[in-house]
N, C-alpha and C. Protein backbone atom coordinates (compact mmCIF):
# COMPACT_ATOMS: atom_id res chain seq x y z
N MET A 1 -112.93 -153.61 -127.00
CA MET A 1 -113.29 -152.21 -127.06
C MET A 1 -113.69 -151.86 -128.47
N SER A 2 -114.82 -151.17 -128.61
CA SER A 2 -115.34 -150.80 -129.92
C SER A 2 -114.86 -149.41 -130.33
N ASP A 3 -114.57 -149.25 -131.61
CA ASP A 3 -114.16 -147.95 -132.13
C ASP A 3 -115.33 -147.20 -132.76
N THR A 4 -116.53 -147.62 -132.49
CA THR A 4 -117.71 -146.98 -133.05
C THR A 4 -117.88 -145.60 -132.42
N ALA A 5 -118.03 -144.60 -133.27
CA ALA A 5 -118.21 -143.23 -132.78
C ALA A 5 -119.62 -143.08 -132.20
N VAL A 6 -119.70 -142.35 -131.13
CA VAL A 6 -120.97 -142.09 -130.48
C VAL A 6 -121.40 -140.67 -130.83
N GLU A 7 -122.64 -140.52 -131.21
CA GLU A 7 -123.19 -139.20 -131.50
C GLU A 7 -123.88 -138.71 -130.23
N TYR A 8 -123.31 -137.72 -129.59
CA TYR A 8 -123.81 -137.25 -128.31
C TYR A 8 -124.92 -136.22 -128.44
N VAL A 9 -124.98 -135.56 -129.59
CA VAL A 9 -125.96 -134.49 -129.80
C VAL A 9 -126.62 -134.71 -131.14
N GLN A 10 -127.91 -134.41 -131.20
CA GLN A 10 -128.62 -134.50 -132.47
C GLN A 10 -129.50 -133.29 -132.66
N GLN A 11 -129.67 -132.89 -133.92
CA GLN A 11 -130.55 -131.78 -134.23
C GLN A 11 -131.88 -132.34 -134.69
N LEU A 12 -132.96 -131.83 -134.12
CA LEU A 12 -134.30 -132.28 -134.48
C LEU A 12 -134.79 -131.54 -135.71
N ALA A 13 -135.87 -132.03 -136.27
CA ALA A 13 -136.44 -131.45 -137.49
C ALA A 13 -136.80 -129.97 -137.32
N ASP A 14 -137.17 -129.57 -136.11
CA ASP A 14 -137.55 -128.17 -135.87
C ASP A 14 -136.34 -127.26 -135.66
N GLY A 15 -135.13 -127.82 -135.75
CA GLY A 15 -133.91 -127.03 -135.59
C GLY A 15 -133.33 -127.02 -134.19
N SER A 16 -134.07 -127.55 -133.23
CA SER A 16 -133.56 -127.59 -131.86
C SER A 16 -132.54 -128.70 -131.71
N TRP A 17 -131.73 -128.61 -130.66
CA TRP A 17 -130.68 -129.58 -130.39
C TRP A 17 -131.00 -130.33 -129.10
N ARG A 18 -130.79 -131.63 -129.11
CA ARG A 18 -131.01 -132.48 -127.94
C ARG A 18 -129.80 -133.36 -127.72
N ILE A 19 -129.63 -133.76 -126.47
CA ILE A 19 -128.65 -134.78 -126.16
C ILE A 19 -129.23 -136.09 -126.69
N SER A 20 -128.45 -136.83 -127.45
CA SER A 20 -128.95 -138.03 -128.12
C SER A 20 -129.65 -138.99 -127.15
N ASP A 21 -130.75 -139.51 -127.63
CA ASP A 21 -131.55 -140.51 -126.90
C ASP A 21 -132.13 -139.98 -125.59
N THR A 22 -132.25 -138.66 -125.47
CA THR A 22 -132.87 -138.07 -124.27
C THR A 22 -133.77 -136.93 -124.71
N ARG A 23 -134.49 -136.37 -123.75
CA ARG A 23 -135.29 -135.17 -123.99
C ARG A 23 -134.58 -133.94 -123.46
N VAL A 24 -133.34 -134.07 -123.04
CA VAL A 24 -132.57 -132.96 -122.48
C VAL A 24 -132.04 -132.10 -123.63
N SER A 25 -132.29 -130.80 -123.54
CA SER A 25 -131.82 -129.91 -124.60
C SER A 25 -130.34 -129.60 -124.44
N LEU A 26 -129.69 -129.39 -125.56
CA LEU A 26 -128.31 -128.93 -125.53
C LEU A 26 -128.24 -127.59 -124.82
N ASP A 27 -129.28 -126.77 -124.99
CA ASP A 27 -129.36 -125.47 -124.33
C ASP A 27 -129.13 -125.61 -122.83
N SER A 28 -129.81 -126.58 -122.22
CA SER A 28 -129.72 -126.78 -120.77
C SER A 28 -128.31 -127.13 -120.34
N VAL A 29 -127.66 -127.99 -121.09
CA VAL A 29 -126.30 -128.40 -120.75
C VAL A 29 -125.34 -127.23 -120.93
N VAL A 30 -125.48 -126.50 -122.03
CA VAL A 30 -124.57 -125.37 -122.28
C VAL A 30 -124.76 -124.28 -121.23
N HIS A 31 -125.99 -123.98 -120.87
CA HIS A 31 -126.22 -122.94 -119.85
C HIS A 31 -125.62 -123.37 -118.50
N ALA A 32 -125.74 -124.64 -118.16
CA ALA A 32 -125.14 -125.13 -116.91
C ALA A 32 -123.61 -125.04 -117.00
N TYR A 33 -123.07 -125.36 -118.16
CA TYR A 33 -121.62 -125.24 -118.39
C TYR A 33 -121.19 -123.79 -118.25
N TRP A 34 -121.94 -122.86 -118.84
CA TRP A 34 -121.64 -121.43 -118.70
C TRP A 34 -121.68 -120.99 -117.24
N ASP A 35 -122.57 -121.61 -116.46
CA ASP A 35 -122.69 -121.28 -115.04
C ASP A 35 -121.54 -121.86 -114.21
N GLY A 36 -120.65 -122.59 -114.86
CA GLY A 36 -119.48 -123.12 -114.18
C GLY A 36 -119.66 -124.49 -113.55
N LYS A 37 -120.76 -125.16 -113.87
CA LYS A 37 -120.99 -126.49 -113.30
C LYS A 37 -120.13 -127.52 -114.00
N SER A 38 -119.66 -128.47 -113.24
CA SER A 38 -118.85 -129.56 -113.80
C SER A 38 -119.76 -130.52 -114.57
N PRO A 39 -119.19 -131.27 -115.50
CA PRO A 39 -120.01 -132.27 -116.19
C PRO A 39 -120.69 -133.25 -115.24
N GLU A 40 -119.99 -133.61 -114.17
CA GLU A 40 -120.61 -134.52 -113.18
C GLU A 40 -121.80 -133.86 -112.49
N ALA A 41 -121.68 -132.59 -112.16
CA ALA A 41 -122.80 -131.87 -111.52
C ALA A 41 -123.96 -131.73 -112.48
N ILE A 42 -123.67 -131.49 -113.76
CA ILE A 42 -124.72 -131.39 -114.76
C ILE A 42 -125.44 -132.74 -114.89
N ALA A 43 -124.68 -133.82 -114.90
CA ALA A 43 -125.27 -135.16 -114.99
C ALA A 43 -126.17 -135.44 -113.79
N GLU A 44 -125.81 -134.95 -112.63
CA GLU A 44 -126.65 -135.14 -111.44
C GLU A 44 -127.97 -134.39 -111.58
N GLU A 45 -127.96 -133.23 -112.25
CA GLU A 45 -129.19 -132.45 -112.44
C GLU A 45 -130.15 -133.13 -113.42
N PHE A 46 -129.60 -133.91 -114.34
CA PHE A 46 -130.41 -134.56 -115.37
C PHE A 46 -130.20 -136.06 -115.28
N PRO A 47 -131.07 -136.76 -114.56
CA PRO A 47 -130.88 -138.19 -114.32
C PRO A 47 -130.77 -139.05 -115.58
N THR A 48 -131.26 -138.56 -116.72
CA THR A 48 -131.16 -139.35 -117.95
C THR A 48 -129.79 -139.23 -118.60
N LEU A 49 -128.93 -138.36 -118.07
CA LEU A 49 -127.60 -138.17 -118.64
C LEU A 49 -126.53 -138.81 -117.77
N CYS A 50 -125.56 -139.41 -118.42
CA CYS A 50 -124.37 -139.87 -117.71
C CYS A 50 -123.26 -138.86 -118.02
N PRO A 51 -122.22 -138.83 -117.19
CA PRO A 51 -121.13 -137.87 -117.44
C PRO A 51 -120.56 -137.95 -118.85
N GLU A 52 -120.47 -139.15 -119.41
CA GLU A 52 -119.93 -139.29 -120.77
C GLU A 52 -120.72 -138.44 -121.76
N TYR A 53 -122.03 -138.47 -121.68
CA TYR A 53 -122.85 -137.71 -122.61
C TYR A 53 -122.75 -136.21 -122.36
N VAL A 54 -122.57 -135.82 -121.11
CA VAL A 54 -122.39 -134.40 -120.81
C VAL A 54 -121.06 -133.93 -121.39
N TYR A 55 -120.00 -134.69 -121.16
CA TYR A 55 -118.70 -134.33 -121.74
C TYR A 55 -118.80 -134.28 -123.27
N GLY A 56 -119.49 -135.24 -123.85
CA GLY A 56 -119.66 -135.27 -125.30
C GLY A 56 -120.43 -134.07 -125.81
N ALA A 57 -121.47 -133.67 -125.09
CA ALA A 57 -122.26 -132.51 -125.48
C ALA A 57 -121.45 -131.23 -125.37
N ILE A 58 -120.65 -131.11 -124.32
CA ILE A 58 -119.80 -129.92 -124.16
C ILE A 58 -118.75 -129.89 -125.26
N ALA A 59 -118.16 -131.03 -125.58
CA ALA A 59 -117.18 -131.09 -126.67
C ALA A 59 -117.83 -130.70 -127.99
N PHE A 60 -119.05 -131.17 -128.22
CA PHE A 60 -119.79 -130.80 -129.43
C PHE A 60 -120.00 -129.28 -129.47
N TYR A 61 -120.44 -128.73 -128.34
CA TYR A 61 -120.65 -127.28 -128.27
C TYR A 61 -119.35 -126.53 -128.58
N LEU A 62 -118.26 -126.92 -127.98
CA LEU A 62 -116.99 -126.21 -128.19
C LEU A 62 -116.52 -126.33 -129.65
N ARG A 63 -116.79 -127.46 -130.25
CA ARG A 63 -116.38 -127.65 -131.65
C ARG A 63 -117.25 -126.85 -132.61
N HIS A 64 -118.51 -126.63 -132.25
CA HIS A 64 -119.48 -125.93 -133.10
C HIS A 64 -119.94 -124.63 -132.44
N LYS A 65 -119.05 -124.00 -131.70
CA LYS A 65 -119.39 -122.86 -130.85
C LYS A 65 -120.12 -121.75 -131.60
N ARG A 66 -119.61 -121.34 -132.74
CA ARG A 66 -120.26 -120.24 -133.47
C ARG A 66 -121.70 -120.58 -133.83
N GLU A 67 -121.88 -121.75 -134.40
CA GLU A 67 -123.22 -122.18 -134.83
C GLU A 67 -124.17 -122.28 -133.63
N ILE A 68 -123.71 -122.89 -132.57
CA ILE A 68 -124.57 -123.08 -131.39
C ILE A 68 -124.82 -121.75 -130.69
N ASP A 69 -123.83 -120.87 -130.63
CA ASP A 69 -124.05 -119.56 -130.02
C ASP A 69 -125.11 -118.76 -130.78
N VAL A 70 -125.09 -118.84 -132.12
CA VAL A 70 -126.14 -118.18 -132.92
C VAL A 70 -127.50 -118.79 -132.58
N TYR A 71 -127.57 -120.11 -132.55
CA TYR A 71 -128.81 -120.81 -132.20
C TYR A 71 -129.30 -120.38 -130.82
N LEU A 72 -128.41 -120.35 -129.82
CA LEU A 72 -128.81 -119.97 -128.46
C LEU A 72 -129.27 -118.52 -128.40
N SER A 73 -128.65 -117.66 -129.16
CA SER A 73 -129.07 -116.26 -129.22
C SER A 73 -130.48 -116.15 -129.81
N GLN A 74 -130.74 -116.91 -130.86
CA GLN A 74 -132.08 -116.93 -131.46
C GLN A 74 -133.11 -117.47 -130.47
N GLN A 75 -132.73 -118.52 -129.75
CA GLN A 75 -133.63 -119.09 -128.75
C GLN A 75 -133.96 -118.07 -127.66
N SER A 76 -132.95 -117.33 -127.23
CA SER A 76 -133.15 -116.31 -126.20
C SER A 76 -134.09 -115.22 -126.70
N SER A 77 -133.92 -114.80 -127.94
CA SER A 77 -134.79 -113.78 -128.52
C SER A 77 -136.23 -114.28 -128.62
N GLN A 78 -136.40 -115.52 -129.05
CA GLN A 78 -137.74 -116.10 -129.13
C GLN A 78 -138.38 -116.18 -127.75
N TRP A 79 -137.61 -116.57 -126.75
CA TRP A 79 -138.12 -116.68 -125.39
C TRP A 79 -138.57 -115.32 -124.87
N GLU A 80 -137.76 -114.29 -125.10
CA GLU A 80 -138.12 -112.93 -124.68
C GLU A 80 -139.39 -112.46 -125.38
N GLN A 81 -139.52 -112.78 -126.66
CA GLN A 81 -140.72 -112.41 -127.41
C GLN A 81 -141.95 -113.12 -126.83
N LEU A 82 -141.82 -114.39 -126.52
CA LEU A 82 -142.93 -115.14 -125.92
C LEU A 82 -143.31 -114.58 -124.56
N GLN A 83 -142.31 -114.17 -123.77
CA GLN A 83 -142.60 -113.58 -122.47
C GLN A 83 -143.38 -112.28 -122.62
N ARG A 84 -142.97 -111.43 -123.56
CA ARG A 84 -143.68 -110.18 -123.80
C ARG A 84 -145.11 -110.44 -124.26
N LEU A 85 -145.27 -111.39 -125.16
CA LEU A 85 -146.60 -111.74 -125.66
C LEU A 85 -147.47 -112.26 -124.53
N SER A 86 -146.91 -113.09 -123.69
CA SER A 86 -147.66 -113.63 -122.56
C SER A 86 -148.08 -112.52 -121.60
N GLU A 87 -147.17 -111.61 -121.32
CA GLU A 87 -147.50 -110.47 -120.45
C GLU A 87 -148.62 -109.64 -121.04
N THR A 88 -148.57 -109.42 -122.35
CA THR A 88 -149.60 -108.63 -123.03
C THR A 88 -150.95 -109.35 -122.98
N GLN A 89 -150.95 -110.63 -123.28
CA GLN A 89 -152.20 -111.38 -123.37
C GLN A 89 -152.77 -111.80 -122.02
N HIS A 90 -151.89 -112.03 -121.05
CA HIS A 90 -152.34 -112.61 -119.78
C HIS A 90 -151.88 -111.80 -118.57
N GLY A 91 -151.58 -110.52 -118.76
CA GLY A 91 -151.06 -109.68 -117.69
C GLY A 91 -151.85 -109.73 -116.40
N PRO A 92 -153.18 -109.47 -116.46
CA PRO A 92 -153.96 -109.49 -115.21
C PRO A 92 -153.92 -110.84 -114.49
N LEU A 93 -154.00 -111.93 -115.24
CA LEU A 93 -153.93 -113.26 -114.62
C LEU A 93 -152.56 -113.49 -113.99
N LEU A 94 -151.50 -113.12 -114.72
CA LEU A 94 -150.14 -113.28 -114.18
C LEU A 94 -149.94 -112.44 -112.92
N ASP A 95 -150.51 -111.24 -112.91
CA ASP A 95 -150.42 -110.38 -111.72
C ASP A 95 -151.10 -111.03 -110.52
N ARG A 96 -152.27 -111.65 -110.75
CA ARG A 96 -152.98 -112.33 -109.65
C ARG A 96 -152.16 -113.52 -109.13
N ILE A 97 -151.58 -114.27 -110.05
CA ILE A 97 -150.76 -115.43 -109.64
C ILE A 97 -149.56 -114.96 -108.84
N ARG A 98 -148.88 -113.93 -109.32
CA ARG A 98 -147.72 -113.39 -108.60
C ARG A 98 -148.12 -112.87 -107.22
N ALA A 99 -149.26 -112.20 -107.14
CA ALA A 99 -149.74 -111.68 -105.86
C ALA A 99 -150.03 -112.83 -104.90
N HIS A 100 -150.64 -113.89 -105.42
CA HIS A 100 -150.94 -115.06 -104.59
C HIS A 100 -149.65 -115.72 -104.10
N ARG A 101 -148.68 -115.85 -104.97
CA ARG A 101 -147.39 -116.42 -104.57
C ARG A 101 -146.74 -115.57 -103.50
N GLY A 102 -146.84 -114.26 -103.66
CA GLY A 102 -146.23 -113.34 -102.70
C GLY A 102 -146.89 -113.36 -101.35
N ALA A 103 -148.14 -113.79 -101.30
CA ALA A 103 -148.87 -113.83 -100.04
C ALA A 103 -148.47 -115.02 -99.18
N ARG A 104 -147.85 -116.01 -99.80
CA ARG A 104 -147.43 -117.20 -99.04
C ARG A 104 -146.01 -117.00 -98.55
N PRO A 105 -145.74 -117.34 -97.30
CA PRO A 105 -144.39 -117.16 -96.74
C PRO A 105 -143.35 -117.97 -97.51
N GLY A 106 -142.19 -117.35 -97.69
CA GLY A 106 -141.06 -118.05 -98.31
C GLY A 106 -141.08 -118.09 -99.83
N ASN A 107 -142.07 -117.47 -100.45
CA ASN A 107 -142.14 -117.49 -101.91
C ASN A 107 -141.47 -116.27 -102.50
N ASP A 108 -140.79 -116.49 -103.60
CA ASP A 108 -140.11 -115.41 -104.32
C ASP A 108 -141.09 -114.84 -105.35
N VAL A 109 -141.43 -113.58 -105.23
CA VAL A 109 -142.41 -112.97 -106.12
C VAL A 109 -141.79 -112.43 -107.38
N THR A 110 -140.48 -112.53 -107.53
CA THR A 110 -139.83 -111.97 -108.72
C THR A 110 -139.92 -112.89 -109.92
N ARG A 111 -140.32 -114.13 -109.74
CA ARG A 111 -140.40 -115.05 -110.87
C ARG A 111 -141.62 -114.79 -111.70
């Protein structure tokens, strides 16, 4: 058995956080955790993750909660700003797409 520490989370040059050796964002894992999903359920949602890495990512989040919560809040603000900008720049096109989705049975037009 090796005592080598495993780094489950890494911060990229742009400031974003990823689960090590994957393209899965820490954001995705934390949001699933907030939604009450078990680490095993989260691992099932992301085939590149094993439960060990999900547990490791959650432990990292809990240990660095303040820092990651600030980061997630900033990400949320940026996302909202991008949504507003998109609505402003592409409103008519988005309305047509939503109308088309709504015309097909079983589609949710609220997205």
